[in-house]
Amino acid sequence: MRHYKRCMQFLWSLHPSRNITAMFPFKSLFLFVSLTFIYKNDCTLLPNGKYLTRYTMPTLYQLPADSYLIINNDSFIQYGKGIDSTKGRVRWLYGCQFKLDILPKPAVDSNVVYPYGESFIELNKGNLDTINFRVTYRRALNLTVYKGEFIKQK
């Protein structure tokens, strides 16, 4: 009975008429979860199809080899010369930004720290059947890992 009374006192203390700031974490969590389920991708730059992925900007890293990317709704297949074929899910983040999630997920070393967050692909308008993109990080948008283009294949 004592625990019930303490629980009720705690819940009453969270009531908006008592303490508005105490409800803030719960309201923001509810809003975030609600918006996550409501959000629908509206980017039309990368419709279903087969694309040649060509990297154009040299960086400190070695440029990846050209590869092919097949997008079918929210799934993808990527393959190329000297590259293992990968399959997975296209996860749209915001606007024309997305991440290619490889399935099944590869084993990750728990000691590795990613200070800039996960990398993702940001689409920019191109010309005709060419879509420009860059690969950047969630926490460091000013850094560009690679630039390239998706060329629509017939």
Protein backbone atom coordinates (compact mmCIF):
# COMPACT_ATOMS: atom_id res chain seq x y z
CA MET A 1 0.00 0.00 0.00
CA ARG A 2 2.88 2.34 0.77
CA HIS A 3 4.36 1.86 -2.70
CA TYR A 4 0.99 2.54 -4.31
CA LYS A 5 0.69 5.82 -2.39
CA ARG A 6 4.21 6.90 -3.39
CA CYS A 7 3.52 6.02 -7.00
CA MET A 8 0.31 8.07 -7.00
CA GLN A 9 2.12 11.02 -5.38
CA PHE A 10 4.78 10.86 -8.08
CA LEU A 11 2.19 10.74 -10.87
CA TRP A 12 0.30 13.64 -9.31
CA SER A 13 3.53 15.67 -9.16
CA LEU A 14 3.84 15.24 -12.94
CA HIS A 15 0.38 16.68 -13.59
CA PRO A 16 0.69 19.82 -15.77
CA SER A 17 -1.19 21.98 -13.28
CA ARG A 18 1.41 21.13 -10.63
CA ASN A 19 4.69 21.32 -12.51
CA ILE A 20 4.82 22.02 -16.24
CA THR A 21 8.57 21.43 -16.61
CA ALA A 22 8.30 17.94 -15.11
CA MET A 23 6.12 16.83 -18.03
CA PHE A 24 8.53 18.10 -20.70
CA PRO A 25 10.55 14.87 -21.14
CA PHE A 26 7.38 12.79 -21.49
CA LYS A 27 5.77 15.21 -23.94
CA SER A 28 8.90 15.45 -26.10
CA LEU A 29 9.27 11.65 -26.14
CA PHE A 30 5.62 11.27 -27.18
CA LEU A 31 6.04 13.89 -29.91
CA PHE A 32 9.22 12.23 -31.23
CA VAL A 33 7.61 8.76 -31.34
CA SER A 34 4.48 10.16 -32.99
CA LEU A 35 6.41 12.02 -35.67
CA THR A 36 8.59 8.98 -36.36
CA PHE A 37 5.55 6.92 -37.32
CA ILE A 38 3.85 9.75 -39.23
CA TYR A 39 6.90 10.81 -41.35
CA LYS A 40 6.74 9.71 -44.97
CA ASN A 41 9.55 10.25 -47.44
CA ASP A 42 8.70 12.79 -50.12
CA CYS A 43 11.97 12.70 -52.07
CA THR A 44 11.39 11.96 -55.74
CA LEU A 45 15.02 12.19 -56.85
CA LEU A 46 15.76 8.46 -56.53
CA PRO A 47 12.83 6.36 -57.80
CA ASN A 48 12.95 2.58 -58.18
CA GLY A 49 15.44 1.38 -60.78
CA LYS A 50 19.04 0.45 -61.54
CA TYR A 51 21.79 3.05 -61.08
CA LEU A 52 25.52 3.17 -61.77
CA THR A 53 27.21 4.63 -58.69
CA ARG A 54 30.24 6.69 -59.69
CA TYR A 55 32.36 8.50 -57.09
CA THR A 56 33.80 11.80 -58.31
CA MET A 57 35.49 13.61 -55.42
CA PRO A 58 38.89 12.42 -54.26
CA THR A 59 39.36 12.50 -50.50
CA LEU A 60 41.89 11.25 -48.00
CA TYR A 61 40.31 7.85 -48.39
CA GLN A 62 40.71 5.70 -51.46
CA LEU A 63 37.74 6.18 -53.77
CA PRO A 64 35.46 3.16 -53.89
CA ALA A 65 35.12 1.38 -57.22
CA ASP A 66 32.10 2.09 -59.39
CA SER A 67 29.19 -0.18 -58.54
CA TYR A 68 25.57 -0.77 -59.42
CA LEU A 69 22.68 -0.03 -57.08
CA ILE A 70 19.23 -1.50 -57.63
CA ILE A 71 16.46 0.14 -55.61
CA ASN A 72 13.06 -1.50 -55.28
CA ASN A 73 10.76 0.37 -52.86
CA ASP A 74 12.56 0.24 -49.49
CA SER A 75 15.11 -2.46 -50.36
CA PHE A 76 18.36 -2.37 -52.29
CA ILE A 77 21.02 -4.60 -53.87
CA GLN A 78 24.52 -3.28 -54.53
CA TYR A 79 27.09 -5.12 -56.62
CA GLY A 80 30.08 -4.40 -58.81
CA LYS A 81 33.37 -5.62 -60.18
CA GLY A 82 35.53 -6.86 -57.31
CA ILE A 83 32.80 -6.01 -54.77
CA ASP A 84 30.77 -8.50 -52.77
CA SER A 85 27.05 -8.20 -53.43
CA THR A 86 25.16 -6.62 -50.53
CA LYS A 87 21.44 -6.49 -49.82
CA GLY A 88 19.53 -4.44 -47.35
CA ARG A 89 16.98 -1.79 -46.58
CA VAL A 90 16.84 1.87 -47.64
CA ARG A 91 16.15 3.96 -44.54
CA TRP A 92 14.99 7.49 -45.39
CA LEU A 93 16.08 9.98 -42.72
CA TYR A 94 14.85 13.43 -43.66
CA GLY A 95 14.01 14.97 -47.02
CA CYS A 96 16.41 13.52 -49.58
CA GLN A 97 18.79 11.95 -47.05
CA PHE A 98 18.99 8.21 -46.62
CA LYS A 99 21.09 5.37 -45.25
CA LEU A 100 21.66 1.93 -46.73
CA ASP A 101 21.24 -0.59 -43.91
CA ILE A 102 22.94 -3.88 -44.77
CA LEU A 103 20.96 -6.99 -43.80
CA PRO A 104 21.87 -9.11 -41.93
CA LYS A 105 23.78 -6.57 -39.91
CA PRO A 106 27.53 -7.21 -39.83
CA ALA A 107 29.21 -7.78 -36.48
CA VAL A 108 30.46 -4.47 -35.08
CA ASP A 109 33.40 -4.12 -32.74
CA SER A 110 32.00 -2.62 -29.53
CA ASN A 111 35.31 -0.78 -28.94
CA VAL A 112 34.89 1.36 -32.07
CA VAL A 113 33.67 4.89 -31.36
CA TYR A 114 32.03 7.00 -34.07
CA PRO A 115 32.47 10.60 -32.90
CA TYR A 116 30.64 12.06 -35.93
CA GLY A 117 27.72 9.64 -35.79
CA GLU A 118 26.61 7.40 -38.62
CA SER A 119 27.27 8.30 -42.23
CA PHE A 120 24.44 8.83 -44.69
CA ILE A 121 23.83 9.84 -48.31
CA GLU A 122 22.40 13.23 -49.21
CA LEU A 123 20.88 13.64 -52.69
CA ASN A 124 21.14 16.81 -54.77
CA LYS A 125 19.54 17.58 -58.11
CA GLY A 126 21.49 16.63 -61.17
CA ASN A 127 20.70 16.75 -64.86
CA LEU A 128 18.51 14.35 -66.87
CA ASP A 129 19.23 10.83 -65.58
CA THR A 130 22.08 11.84 -63.24
CA ILE A 131 21.56 12.51 -59.52
CA ASN A 132 24.41 14.07 -57.55
CA PHE A 133 25.08 12.91 -54.00
CA ARG A 134 27.48 13.30 -51.14
CA VAL A 135 28.25 11.07 -48.17
CA THR A 136 28.48 12.91 -44.87
CA TYR A 137 28.00 12.39 -41.11
CA ARG A 138 24.97 13.08 -38.89
CA ARG A 139 26.94 15.12 -36.35
CA ALA A 140 29.34 16.81 -38.79
CA LEU A 141 27.40 17.97 -41.82
CA ASN A 142 30.29 20.22 -42.87
CA LEU A 143 32.45 17.12 -43.57
CA THR A 144 32.08 15.41 -46.93
CA VAL A 145 33.46 11.88 -47.12
CA TYR A 146 32.71 11.32 -50.82
CA LYS A 147 30.87 12.99 -53.65
CA GLY A 148 29.46 11.14 -56.59
CA GLU A 149 26.56 10.57 -58.91
CA PHE A 150 23.88 7.99 -59.47
CA ILE A 151 23.40 7.45 -63.21
CA LYS A 152 20.06 5.89 -64.18
CA GLN A 153 20.51 2.74 -66.30
CA LYS A 154 18.03 1.75 -68.98
